[in-house]
Amino acid sequence: QVQLVESGGGLVQAGGSLRLSCAASGSIFSIYDIGWYRQALGKQRELVAAISRGGRTSYADSVKGRFTISRDNAKNTVYLQMNSLKPEDTGVYYCNAKLDLTSYEYWGQGTQVTVSS
């Protein structure tokens, strides 16, 4: 069992930055692949960035070059540094943990990011 708690969301002007954190507890965090998803109002949840247990990263095309995902296994935390924010980045950001080759998957409660134009 893994518990995930996101933090760091808020209101920011276009062009600004935010850093989201996803703090995990309850299991061996380092063995999980972690993803940051976002869901805008009226839209489906989409994967924004992911980092494997080995540290390999991937990004949605819409955020490449602006967002950076990283993990600190000693602190059981994954970060999402978001720079050059745009109004279309607005949404609720969720942290997701998956254990490869199993059905184990966990979600956090989400943190709201609002980017004003």
Protein backbone atom coordinates (compact mmCIF):
# COMPACT_ATOMS: atom_id res chain seq x y z
CA GLN A 1 0.00 0.00 0.00
CA VAL A 2 1.25 3.48 -0.91
CA GLN A 3 -0.18 6.79 0.24
CA LEU A 4 0.54 9.80 -1.97
CA VAL A 5 0.14 13.45 -0.98
CA GLU A 6 0.60 16.22 -3.53
CA SER A 7 1.46 19.80 -2.63
CA GLY A 8 2.76 22.96 -4.23
CA GLY A 9 -0.16 23.95 -6.40
CA GLY A 10 -1.55 27.46 -6.53
CA LEU A 11 -2.32 30.47 -8.66
CA VAL A 12 0.42 31.86 -10.88
CA GLN A 13 0.61 34.25 -13.80
CA ALA A 14 1.50 33.05 -17.27
CA GLY A 15 5.25 32.72 -17.60
CA GLY A 16 5.68 31.90 -13.94
CA SER A 17 6.87 28.75 -12.21
CA LEU A 18 5.66 26.26 -9.64
CA ARG A 19 7.17 23.15 -8.12
CA LEU A 20 4.85 20.33 -7.21
CA SER A 21 5.79 17.66 -4.72
CA CYS A 22 4.43 14.17 -4.30
CA ALA A 23 5.29 12.67 -0.93
CA ALA A 24 4.86 8.92 -0.55
CA SER A 25 4.55 6.71 2.48
CA GLY A 26 3.65 3.16 3.32
CA SER A 27 5.82 1.09 1.03
CA ILE A 28 9.18 0.88 -0.70
CA PHE A 29 8.83 4.00 -2.80
CA SER A 30 11.91 3.43 -4.95
CA ILE A 31 10.43 0.41 -6.73
CA TYR A 32 7.49 2.35 -8.17
CA ASP A 33 7.20 4.15 -11.47
CA ILE A 34 5.73 7.61 -10.83
CA GLY A 35 3.64 9.77 -13.09
CA TRP A 36 2.19 13.25 -12.89
CA TYR A 37 -1.21 13.57 -14.53
CA ARG A 38 -3.43 16.59 -14.92
CA GLN A 39 -7.11 17.03 -15.52
CA ALA A 40 -8.57 20.25 -16.82
CA LEU A 41 -12.21 21.05 -16.28
CA GLY A 42 -14.35 19.00 -18.64
CA LYS A 43 -11.40 17.09 -20.06
CA GLN A 44 -9.90 13.66 -19.58
CA ARG A 45 -6.98 13.11 -17.27
CA GLU A 46 -3.72 13.13 -19.22
CA LEU A 47 -0.18 12.05 -18.45
CA VAL A 48 2.14 15.03 -18.20
CA ALA A 49 5.43 13.49 -17.08
CA ALA A 50 6.72 10.19 -15.77
CA ILE A 51 9.83 8.82 -14.12
CA SER A 52 10.66 5.16 -13.88
CA ARG A 53 12.16 3.46 -10.85
CA GLY A 54 15.43 3.56 -12.77
CA GLY A 55 15.19 7.32 -13.31
CA ARG A 56 14.18 7.33 -16.96
CA THR A 57 11.91 10.30 -17.71
CA SER A 58 9.29 11.01 -20.34
CA TYR A 59 7.08 14.01 -21.08
CA ALA A 60 3.98 14.97 -22.98
CA ASP A 61 4.82 17.02 -26.06
CA SER A 62 2.92 19.97 -24.63
CA VAL A 63 5.29 20.33 -21.67
CA LYS A 64 8.65 19.26 -23.12
CA GLY A 65 11.34 21.82 -22.41
CA ARG A 66 9.21 23.50 -19.71
CA PHE A 67 8.57 20.79 -17.09
CA THR A 68 11.09 18.60 -15.31
CA ILE A 69 10.26 15.53 -13.25
CA SER A 70 12.69 14.22 -10.67
CA ARG A 71 12.69 11.90 -7.69
CA ASP A 72 14.48 11.73 -4.37
CA ASN A 73 14.09 8.19 -3.12
CA ALA A 74 15.76 9.04 0.20
CA LYS A 75 12.92 11.49 0.85
CA ASN A 76 10.24 9.34 -0.80
CA THR A 77 9.31 12.32 -2.93
CA VAL A 78 8.83 13.09 -6.60
CA TYR A 79 8.91 16.64 -7.90
CA LEU A 80 7.51 18.37 -10.94
CA GLN A 81 9.24 21.65 -11.72
CA MET A 82 6.99 23.66 -14.02
CA ASN A 83 8.43 26.70 -15.78
CA SER A 84 7.06 29.07 -18.41
CA LEU A 85 3.55 28.17 -17.37
CA LYS A 86 0.68 28.76 -19.76
CA PRO A 87 -3.05 29.13 -19.10
CA GLU A 88 -3.57 25.75 -20.77
CA ASP A 89 -1.51 24.15 -17.98
CA THR A 90 -4.38 24.88 -15.61
CA GLY A 91 -5.92 21.84 -13.97
CA VAL A 92 -5.77 19.46 -11.06
CA TYR A 93 -2.43 17.67 -10.95
CA TYR A 94 -2.36 14.12 -9.63
CA CYS A 95 0.51 11.89 -8.61
CA ASN A 96 0.33 8.23 -9.60
CA ALA A 97 2.47 5.29 -8.48
CA LYS A 98 2.57 2.02 -10.39
CA LEU A 99 4.40 -1.18 -9.67
CA ASP A 100 5.58 -2.64 -12.97
CA LEU A 101 4.14 -6.04 -14.04
CA THR A 102 1.50 -5.90 -11.30
CA SER A 103 -1.92 -4.37 -10.85
CA TYR A 104 -0.76 -2.21 -7.98
CA GLU A 105 -1.54 1.44 -8.70
CA TYR A 106 -2.16 4.36 -6.37
CA TRP A 107 -3.33 7.96 -6.74
CA GLY A 108 -2.99 11.06 -4.65
CA GLN A 109 -5.83 13.48 -3.97
CA GLY A 110 -4.57 16.11 -6.42
CA THR A 111 -3.42 19.71 -6.20
CA GLN A 112 -4.93 22.60 -8.16
CA VAL A 113 -2.77 24.63 -10.52
CA THR A 114 -4.27 27.77 -12.02
CA VAL A 115 -2.36 29.86 -14.55
CA SER A 116 -3.82 33.26 -15.29
CA SER A 117 -3.25 35.08 -18.55
